[in-house]
Amino acid sequence: RRQVMILAASAASMLAGWQRGAQAETWASARVPAARATLAAQAPTRLAGRLGERGRRQSRSAVRAADDGEDFVTSDEVLMAAKRLNVDLREEFNGPWYQMRLFSGDRELGKTSGWAQPWGIMHLETIEVRRFTGYWTRKPAGVEGASQERPVEQKDFAKLSRWFGLLLSVSIGCWNRERSPFYCKEAHLLAIKDDDKQHSRLVRYYKGLGFKTMRGPDELNPADSIVWGGEGTLMNVQASDFMRRWTPVVRDLAGLTPRAETPVGA
């Protein structure tokens, strides 16, 4: 009799457990899809928030690593300088890749592109400024030498080319400090050698920006030729030295400070 009672109690306990399990399963079946839907709806926001915060932390960290307490020009100030010259600076970024272009209306004046490398060297693929007679239909604020009554003279084109190239170059430095996934302490470029005259002009221009020669055309190794896709003079500049040199000039172009230095080659 005692055994019968024990078996009956065990069966009742098992039945109750089974019922509780069935109820739990029914509750889960009802709640899990709703929970999954809620999480799915929240995931993009959460992910964006995490990525955004991570990006902000990386940006702040990069700037701290870059400036050592120095007050360098910012992207906003570069845009102000471009606006005073009546040009539009348009920026495109995709991870470590960047491209900046200068426009007057719908006409492209110049562009630069390249990418940041995780070992701390910025690869400057190109910095080029195009010249055309359609620029300057009116005098940009704060710029000497332009007139509404006459076309822009040759010397004005040369000065503008230097300023445009400077804005493009400094915009790279600002992106490197503010938004690049890898802060680069050094930048490399190749002054391409298609012909001697053009090559000499490029080397002289880049030296005016602060670049120094690393290897001449006869000193490039096969790896250099593969990386850069051509022959020329390999040059470099330290990011902090470049930004230190050109910060007062760009701020002057933006109308923010008195002139501290003359633009490249002026």
Protein backbone atom coordinates (compact mmCIF):
# COMPACT_ATOMS: atom_id res chain seq x y z
CA ARG A 1 0.00 0.00 0.00
CA ARG A 2 2.83 2.33 0.89
CA GLN A 3 4.46 1.62 -2.46
CA VAL A 4 1.21 2.39 -4.26
CA MET A 5 0.92 5.71 -2.43
CA ILE A 6 4.56 6.62 -3.30
CA LEU A 7 4.00 5.77 -6.96
CA ALA A 8 0.80 7.84 -7.01
CA ALA A 9 2.58 10.82 -5.44
CA SER A 10 5.42 10.54 -7.94
CA ALA A 11 2.99 10.40 -10.81
CA ALA A 12 1.15 13.46 -9.52
CA SER A 13 4.42 15.35 -9.12
CA MET A 14 5.50 14.41 -12.64
CA LEU A 15 2.12 15.50 -13.99
CA ALA A 16 2.37 18.84 -12.22
CA GLY A 17 5.90 19.33 -13.53
CA TRP A 18 4.80 18.49 -17.02
CA GLN A 19 1.94 20.99 -16.77
CA ARG A 20 4.27 23.71 -15.52
CA GLY A 21 6.67 22.93 -18.36
CA ALA A 22 3.87 23.07 -20.90
CA GLN A 23 2.72 26.40 -19.50
CA ALA A 24 6.26 27.74 -19.61
CA GLU A 25 6.67 26.56 -23.18
CA THR A 26 3.38 28.18 -24.14
CA TRP A 27 4.47 31.45 -22.47
CA ALA A 28 7.85 31.32 -24.19
CA SER A 29 6.24 30.61 -27.55
CA ALA A 30 4.14 33.69 -27.11
CA ARG A 31 6.86 35.96 -25.72
CA VAL A 32 10.04 34.97 -27.60
CA PRO A 33 8.89 36.17 -31.05
CA ALA A 34 7.86 39.49 -29.54
CA ALA A 35 11.19 39.78 -27.75
CA ARG A 36 13.05 38.92 -30.92
CA ALA A 37 11.08 41.52 -32.85
CA THR A 38 11.88 44.14 -30.20
CA LEU A 39 15.58 43.30 -30.28
CA ALA A 40 15.61 43.34 -34.07
CA ALA A 41 14.02 46.76 -34.07
CA GLN A 42 16.49 48.09 -31.49
CA ALA A 43 19.60 46.49 -32.99
CA PRO A 44 20.33 49.13 -35.66
CA THR A 45 20.01 51.93 -33.12
CA ARG A 46 22.16 50.12 -30.59
CA LEU A 47 24.75 49.24 -33.21
CA ALA A 48 24.82 52.78 -34.57
CA GLY A 49 25.16 54.11 -31.04
CA ARG A 50 28.04 51.78 -30.27
CA LEU A 51 29.79 52.50 -33.57
CA GLY A 52 29.19 56.20 -33.17
CA GLU A 53 30.57 56.24 -29.65
CA ARG A 54 33.50 54.08 -30.69
CA GLY A 55 34.17 56.42 -33.59
CA ARG A 56 34.02 59.43 -31.28
CA ARG A 57 36.41 57.75 -28.85
CA GLN A 58 38.81 56.92 -31.67
CA SER A 59 38.55 60.45 -33.01
CA ARG A 60 39.25 62.00 -29.62
CA SER A 61 42.09 59.56 -29.06
CA ALA A 62 43.56 60.33 -32.47
CA VAL A 63 43.45 64.07 -31.83
CA ARG A 64 45.08 63.65 -28.43
CA ALA A 65 47.80 61.54 -30.02
CA ALA A 66 48.22 64.07 -32.80
CA ASP A 67 48.45 67.48 -31.24
CA ASP A 68 50.25 67.11 -27.88
CA GLY A 69 48.33 70.14 -26.73
CA GLU A 70 48.91 72.24 -29.87
CA ASP A 71 46.15 74.30 -31.43
CA PHE A 72 45.99 73.14 -35.05
CA VAL A 73 43.58 74.22 -37.76
CA THR A 74 40.33 72.23 -38.01
CA SER A 75 38.18 70.97 -40.87
CA ASP A 76 35.58 73.66 -40.13
CA GLU A 77 38.22 76.36 -40.49
CA VAL A 78 39.39 74.89 -43.80
CA LEU A 79 35.79 75.03 -45.04
CA MET A 80 35.62 78.68 -43.94
CA ALA A 81 38.78 79.44 -45.94
CA ALA A 82 37.34 77.69 -49.00
CA LYS A 83 34.13 79.69 -48.69
CA ARG A 84 36.06 82.98 -48.59
CA LEU A 85 37.74 81.94 -51.83
CA ASN A 86 34.31 81.22 -53.37
CA VAL A 87 34.99 77.50 -53.75
CA ASP A 88 33.26 74.44 -52.38
CA LEU A 89 35.33 71.76 -50.62
CA ARG A 90 33.61 68.37 -50.86
CA GLU A 91 34.86 65.45 -48.81
CA GLU A 92 34.30 61.72 -49.27
CA PHE A 93 35.43 59.03 -46.82
CA ASN A 94 35.16 55.27 -46.76
CA GLY A 95 37.07 53.68 -43.89
CA PRO A 96 40.75 54.57 -44.36
CA TRP A 97 40.17 55.97 -47.87
CA TYR A 98 39.58 59.67 -48.49
CA GLN A 99 38.95 62.01 -51.38
CA MET A 100 38.64 65.80 -51.24
CA ARG A 101 37.60 67.89 -54.23
CA LEU A 102 37.34 71.63 -54.83
CA PHE A 103 34.56 73.01 -56.99
CA SER A 104 33.59 76.37 -58.40
CA GLY A 105 29.94 75.84 -59.20
CA ASP A 106 29.82 72.53 -61.05
CA ARG A 107 33.42 72.76 -62.29
CA GLU A 108 36.13 70.80 -60.51
CA LEU A 109 39.21 72.86 -59.63
CA GLY A 110 41.30 70.19 -57.97
CA LYS A 111 41.27 66.99 -55.97
CA THR A 112 43.33 64.81 -53.69
CA SER A 113 42.93 61.18 -52.70
CA GLY A 114 44.74 58.49 -50.77
CA TRP A 115 44.41 56.34 -47.68
CA ALA A 116 45.58 55.94 -44.10
CA GLN A 117 47.67 52.88 -43.30
CA PRO A 118 47.60 51.07 -39.93
CA TRP A 119 51.38 51.34 -39.56
CA GLY A 120 51.07 55.13 -39.33
CA ILE A 121 52.01 56.38 -42.82
CA MET A 122 49.49 58.25 -44.96
CA HIS A 123 49.63 57.29 -48.64
CA LEU A 124 48.95 60.42 -50.71
CA GLU A 125 47.94 59.11 -54.09
CA THR A 126 47.40 62.46 -55.79
CA ILE A 127 47.21 66.20 -55.17
CA GLU A 128 46.25 68.03 -58.33
CA VAL A 129 44.88 71.46 -59.18
CA ARG A 130 43.33 72.25 -62.54
CA ARG A 131 43.38 75.65 -64.13
CA PHE A 132 40.61 77.14 -66.24
CA THR A 133 39.61 80.69 -67.13
CA GLY A 134 36.05 80.38 -65.83
CA TYR A 135 36.97 80.89 -62.15
CA TRP A 136 36.53 84.33 -60.55
CA THR A 137 33.61 86.20 -61.93
CA ARG A 138 33.76 88.32 -58.80
CA LYS A 139 36.40 89.14 -56.25
CA PRO A 140 36.63 86.66 -53.35
CA ALA A 141 36.63 88.25 -49.92
CA GLY A 142 40.10 88.95 -48.55
CA VAL A 143 41.95 88.06 -51.77
CA GLU A 144 44.16 90.62 -53.47
CA GLY A 145 44.69 90.90 -57.19
CA ALA A 146 41.22 90.09 -58.55
CA SER A 147 38.95 92.51 -60.33
CA GLN A 148 35.41 92.49 -61.61
CA GLU A 149 36.46 94.52 -64.66
CA ARG A 150 39.23 92.28 -66.06
CA PRO A 151 40.06 88.59 -66.45
CA VAL A 152 42.28 86.92 -63.91
CA GLU A 153 45.96 87.38 -64.80
CA GLN A 154 48.60 84.66 -64.94
CA LYS A 155 50.03 85.62 -61.54
CA ASP A 156 46.55 85.33 -60.01
CA PHE A 157 46.17 81.82 -61.39
CA ALA A 158 49.53 80.84 -59.87
CA LYS A 159 48.53 82.25 -56.48
CA LEU A 160 45.15 80.52 -56.58
CA SER A 161 46.71 77.22 -57.55
CA ARG A 162 48.94 77.42 -54.50
CA TRP A 163 46.03 78.26 -52.25
CA PHE A 164 43.82 75.54 -53.68
CA GLY A 165 46.59 72.96 -53.34
CA LEU A 166 47.18 74.12 -49.78
CA LEU A 167 43.50 73.79 -48.85
CA LEU A 168 43.39 70.27 -50.28
CA SER A 169 46.59 69.28 -48.48
CA VAL A 170 45.54 70.73 -45.12
CA SER A 171 42.13 69.07 -45.41
CA ILE A 172 43.99 65.73 -45.46
CA GLY A 173 45.80 66.69 -42.27
CA CYS A 174 42.52 67.63 -40.59
CA TRP A 175 40.88 64.36 -41.65
CA ASN A 176 43.91 62.48 -40.34
CA ARG A 177 43.55 64.17 -36.94
CA GLU A 178 39.78 64.19 -36.65
CA ARG A 179 38.22 61.25 -38.48
CA SER A 180 40.76 58.79 -39.87
CA PRO A 181 40.52 55.26 -38.41
CA PHE A 182 44.33 55.29 -38.18
CA TYR A 183 46.22 58.38 -37.08
CA CYS A 184 49.31 58.72 -39.29
CA LYS A 185 52.33 60.63 -37.98
CA GLU A 186 53.90 60.77 -41.44
CA ALA A 187 52.73 61.18 -45.04
CA HIS A 188 54.39 59.88 -48.23
CA LEU A 189 53.84 60.84 -51.84
CA LEU A 190 55.52 60.30 -55.19
CA ALA A 191 56.36 63.29 -57.36
CA ILE A 192 55.74 61.44 -60.61
CA LYS A 193 58.30 61.75 -63.39
CA ASP A 194 56.66 61.80 -66.79
CA ASP A 195 59.13 64.37 -68.11
CA ASP A 196 61.97 66.29 -66.52
CA LYS A 197 60.35 69.73 -66.53
CA GLN A 198 57.09 68.58 -65.00
CA HIS A 199 58.92 66.44 -62.46
CA SER A 200 61.13 69.33 -61.34
CA ARG A 201 58.08 71.55 -60.96
CA LEU A 202 56.31 68.94 -58.81
CA VAL A 203 59.33 68.39 -56.57
CA ARG A 204 59.71 72.14 -56.08
CA TYR A 205 56.00 72.51 -55.26
CA TYR A 206 55.96 69.68 -52.74
CA LYS A 207 59.12 70.99 -51.09
CA GLY A 208 57.30 74.31 -50.76
CA LEU A 209 54.57 72.47 -48.85
CA GLY A 210 57.19 71.01 -46.51
CA PHE A 211 57.90 67.61 -48.05
CA LYS A 212 61.46 66.28 -48.07
CA THR A 213 63.11 63.90 -50.53
CA MET A 214 63.43 60.30 -49.38
CA ARG A 215 64.60 58.69 -52.62
CA GLY A 216 65.21 60.07 -56.07
CA PRO A 217 64.07 58.47 -59.36
CA ASP A 218 67.28 56.45 -59.65
CA GLU A 219 67.05 55.25 -56.05
CA LEU A 220 63.59 53.70 -56.11
CA ASN A 221 63.49 49.95 -55.56
CA PRO A 222 61.09 47.51 -57.27
CA ALA A 223 58.76 47.57 -54.26
CA ASP A 224 58.46 51.36 -54.53
CA SER A 225 57.54 51.11 -58.19
CA ILE A 226 54.85 48.54 -57.43
CA VAL A 227 53.36 50.54 -54.54
CA TRP A 228 53.31 53.85 -56.40
CA GLY A 229 52.75 52.60 -59.93
CA GLY A 230 55.43 54.70 -61.57
CA GLU A 231 58.77 56.45 -61.32
CA GLY A 232 59.60 59.69 -59.61
CA THR A 233 60.87 61.19 -56.37
CA LEU A 234 59.55 59.66 -53.15
CA MET A 235 58.90 62.36 -50.56
CA ASN A 236 57.63 62.58 -47.00
CA VAL A 237 56.51 65.06 -44.35
CA GLN A 238 55.78 64.79 -40.62
CA ALA A 239 52.08 65.43 -39.90
CA SER A 240 52.65 67.69 -36.89
CA ASP A 241 55.29 69.78 -38.71
CA PHE A 242 52.97 70.23 -41.68
CA MET A 243 49.98 71.27 -39.55
CA ARG A 244 52.14 73.57 -37.41
CA ARG A 245 53.42 75.35 -40.50
CA TRP A 246 50.14 75.87 -42.31
CA THR A 247 47.64 76.38 -39.48
CA PRO A 248 48.18 80.18 -39.31
CA VAL A 249 48.07 80.52 -43.09
CA VAL A 250 44.74 78.70 -43.48
CA ARG A 251 43.28 80.63 -40.56
CA ASP A 252 44.38 83.82 -42.26
CA LEU A 253 42.64 82.71 -45.47
CA ALA A 254 39.55 82.02 -43.34
CA GLY A 255 39.75 85.54 -41.91
CA LEU A 256 40.45 84.30 -38.38
CA THR A 257 43.99 85.53 -37.65
CA PRO A 258 46.55 88.04 -38.94
CA ARG A 259 48.82 86.76 -41.69
CA ALA A 260 51.69 84.74 -40.24
CA GLU A 261 53.29 83.23 -43.35
CA THR A 262 53.04 83.56 -47.10
CA PRO A 263 51.48 80.62 -49.00
CA VAL A 264 53.63 78.22 -50.95
CA GLY A 265 55.87 79.89 -53.49
CA ALA A 266 54.27 83.33 -53.18
